[in-house]
Amino acid sequence: GEQFLVNALAEAIGRQRMLYAGQPGNTKRTKLWDEFGYPNSLEFDRYYRAYERNAVAFAAVHKLLDSCWVDNPTIID
């Protein structure tokens, strides 16, 4: 189980390194995210699911939100 996953990851990274070095490798997938089945572009739904599921994503969003409007705005006419 675990050893298979580690070997698969090492092989995928090795293929990526060979591709970047200009050596022939897996030409079907040239990006690491393709190796693991991730999409090329992300839409709002995927970001929102990560925000709900992942504590780091949630914290990053709320760190920005909590620092907005900490002072009263100054209006310059």
C-alpha atoms as a PDB file:
ATOM      1  CA  GLY A   1       0.000   0.000   0.000  1.00  0.00           C
ATOM      2  CA  GLU A   2       2.199   2.805   1.272  1.00  0.00           C
ATOM      3  CA  GLN A   3       5.334   1.590  -0.509  1.00  0.00           C
ATOM      4  CA  PHE A   4       3.455   1.445  -3.820  1.00  0.00           C
ATOM      5  CA  LEU A   5       2.300   5.067  -3.394  1.00  0.00           C
ATOM      6  CA  VAL A   6       5.816   6.234  -2.540  1.00  0.00           C
ATOM      7  CA  ASN A   7       7.261   4.399  -5.564  1.00  0.00           C
ATOM      8  CA  ALA A   8       4.578   5.805  -7.889  1.00  0.00           C
ATOM      9  CA  LEU A   9       5.286   9.339  -6.662  1.00  0.00           C
ATOM     10  CA  ALA A  10       9.052   8.885  -7.057  1.00  0.00           C
ATOM     11  CA  GLU A  11       8.594   7.564 -10.607  1.00  0.00           C
ATOM     12  CA  ALA A  12       6.308  10.466 -11.543  1.00  0.00           C
ATOM     13  CA  ILE A  13       8.789  13.018 -10.209  1.00  0.00           C
ATOM     14  CA  GLY A  14      11.634  11.207 -11.975  1.00  0.00           C
ATOM     15  CA  ARG A  15       9.738  11.382 -15.273  1.00  0.00           C
ATOM     16  CA  GLN A  16       9.159  15.102 -14.759  1.00  0.00           C
ATOM     17  CA  ARG A  17      12.848  15.701 -14.095  1.00  0.00           C
ATOM     18  CA  MET A  18      13.799  13.805 -17.251  1.00  0.00           C
ATOM     19  CA  LEU A  19      11.333  15.860 -19.290  1.00  0.00           C
ATOM     20  CA  TYR A  20      12.687  19.143 -17.976  1.00  0.00           C
ATOM     21  CA  ALA A  21      16.243  17.971 -18.698  1.00  0.00           C
ATOM     22  CA  GLY A  22      15.268  17.337 -22.322  1.00  0.00           C
ATOM     23  CA  GLN A  23      15.461  13.562 -22.140  1.00  0.00           C
ATOM     24  CA  PRO A  24      12.666  11.456 -23.621  1.00  0.00           C
ATOM     25  CA  GLY A  25      10.034  10.467 -21.125  1.00  0.00           C
ATOM     26  CA  ASN A  26       6.298  10.290 -20.820  1.00  0.00           C
ATOM     27  CA  THR A  27       5.225  12.661 -23.587  1.00  0.00           C
ATOM     28  CA  LYS A  28       1.531  12.020 -22.966  1.00  0.00           C
ATOM     29  CA  ARG A  29       1.554  14.098 -19.778  1.00  0.00           C
ATOM     30  CA  THR A  30       4.083  16.905 -19.495  1.00  0.00           C
ATOM     31  CA  LYS A  31       2.842  18.512 -16.270  1.00  0.00           C
ATOM     32  CA  LEU A  32       2.905  16.945 -12.817  1.00  0.00           C
ATOM     33  CA  TRP A  33      -0.729  17.879 -12.131  1.00  0.00           C
ATOM     34  CA  ASP A  34      -1.674  15.822 -15.206  1.00  0.00           C
ATOM     35  CA  GLU A  35       0.101  12.826 -13.690  1.00  0.00           C
ATOM     36  CA  PHE A  36      -2.176  12.996 -10.647  1.00  0.00           C
ATOM     37  CA  GLY A  37      -5.372  13.790 -12.538  1.00  0.00           C
ATOM     38  CA  TYR A  38      -5.832  17.440 -11.563  1.00  0.00           C
ATOM     39  CA  PRO A  39      -7.540  19.757 -14.090  1.00  0.00           C
ATOM     40  CA  ASN A  40      -5.693  22.438 -16.067  1.00  0.00           C
ATOM     41  CA  SER A  41      -8.010  25.209 -14.876  1.00  0.00           C
ATOM     42  CA  LEU A  42      -9.959  25.659 -11.674  1.00  0.00           C
ATOM     43  CA  GLU A  43     -13.421  27.132 -11.390  1.00  0.00           C
ATOM     44  CA  PHE A  44     -15.144  28.702  -8.397  1.00  0.00           C
ATOM     45  CA  ASP A  45     -16.740  25.442  -7.215  1.00  0.00           C
ATOM     46  CA  ARG A  46     -13.368  23.738  -6.726  1.00  0.00           C
ATOM     47  CA  TYR A  47     -11.961  26.706  -4.811  1.00  0.00           C
ATOM     48  CA  TYR A  48     -15.054  26.841  -2.607  1.00  0.00           C
ATOM     49  CA  ARG A  49     -14.886  23.116  -1.820  1.00  0.00           C
ATOM     50  CA  ALA A  50     -11.214  23.527  -0.854  1.00  0.00           C
ATOM     51  CA  TYR A  51     -12.163  26.483   1.351  1.00  0.00           C
ATOM     52  CA  GLU A  52     -14.815  24.406   3.131  1.00  0.00           C
ATOM     53  CA  ARG A  53     -12.673  21.262   3.432  1.00  0.00           C
ATOM     54  CA  ASN A  54      -9.169  22.597   4.058  1.00  0.00           C
ATOM     55  CA  ALA A  55      -8.262  24.482   7.235  1.00  0.00           C
ATOM     56  CA  VAL A  56      -5.311  26.256   5.557  1.00  0.00           C
ATOM     57  CA  ALA A  57      -7.495  27.566   2.717  1.00  0.00           C
ATOM     58  CA  PHE A  58     -10.136  28.681   5.233  1.00  0.00           C
ATOM     59  CA  ALA A  59      -7.505  30.463   7.347  1.00  0.00           C
ATOM     60  CA  ALA A  60      -5.989  32.213   4.313  1.00  0.00           C
ATOM     61  CA  VAL A  61      -9.370  33.624   3.280  1.00  0.00           C
ATOM     62  CA  HIS A  62     -10.285  34.744   6.792  1.00  0.00           C
ATOM     63  CA  LYS A  63      -6.857  36.283   7.415  1.00  0.00           C
ATOM     64  CA  LEU A  64      -7.562  38.618   4.490  1.00  0.00           C
ATOM     65  CA  LEU A  65     -11.157  39.237   5.523  1.00  0.00           C
ATOM     66  CA  ASP A  66     -10.250  40.004   9.132  1.00  0.00           C
ATOM     67  CA  SER A  67      -7.656  42.597   8.078  1.00  0.00           C
ATOM     68  CA  CYS A  68     -10.086  44.480   5.809  1.00  0.00           C
ATOM     69  CA  TRP A  69     -11.928  47.474   7.229  1.00  0.00           C
ATOM     70  CA  VAL A  70     -10.022  47.478  10.522  1.00  0.00           C
ATOM     71  CA  ASP A  71     -10.123  51.295  10.452  1.00  0.00           C
ATOM     72  CA  ASN A  72     -12.901  53.589   9.456  1.00  0.00           C
ATOM     73  CA  PRO A  73     -12.505  54.641   5.826  1.00  0.00           C
ATOM     74  CA  THR A  74     -11.351  58.142   4.988  1.00  0.00           C
ATOM     75  CA  ILE A  75     -13.302  59.795   2.203  1.00  0.00           C
ATOM     76  CA  ILE A  76     -11.360  62.347   0.181  1.00  0.00           C
ATOM     77  CA  ASP A  77     -13.496  64.632  -1.947  1.00  0.00           C
END
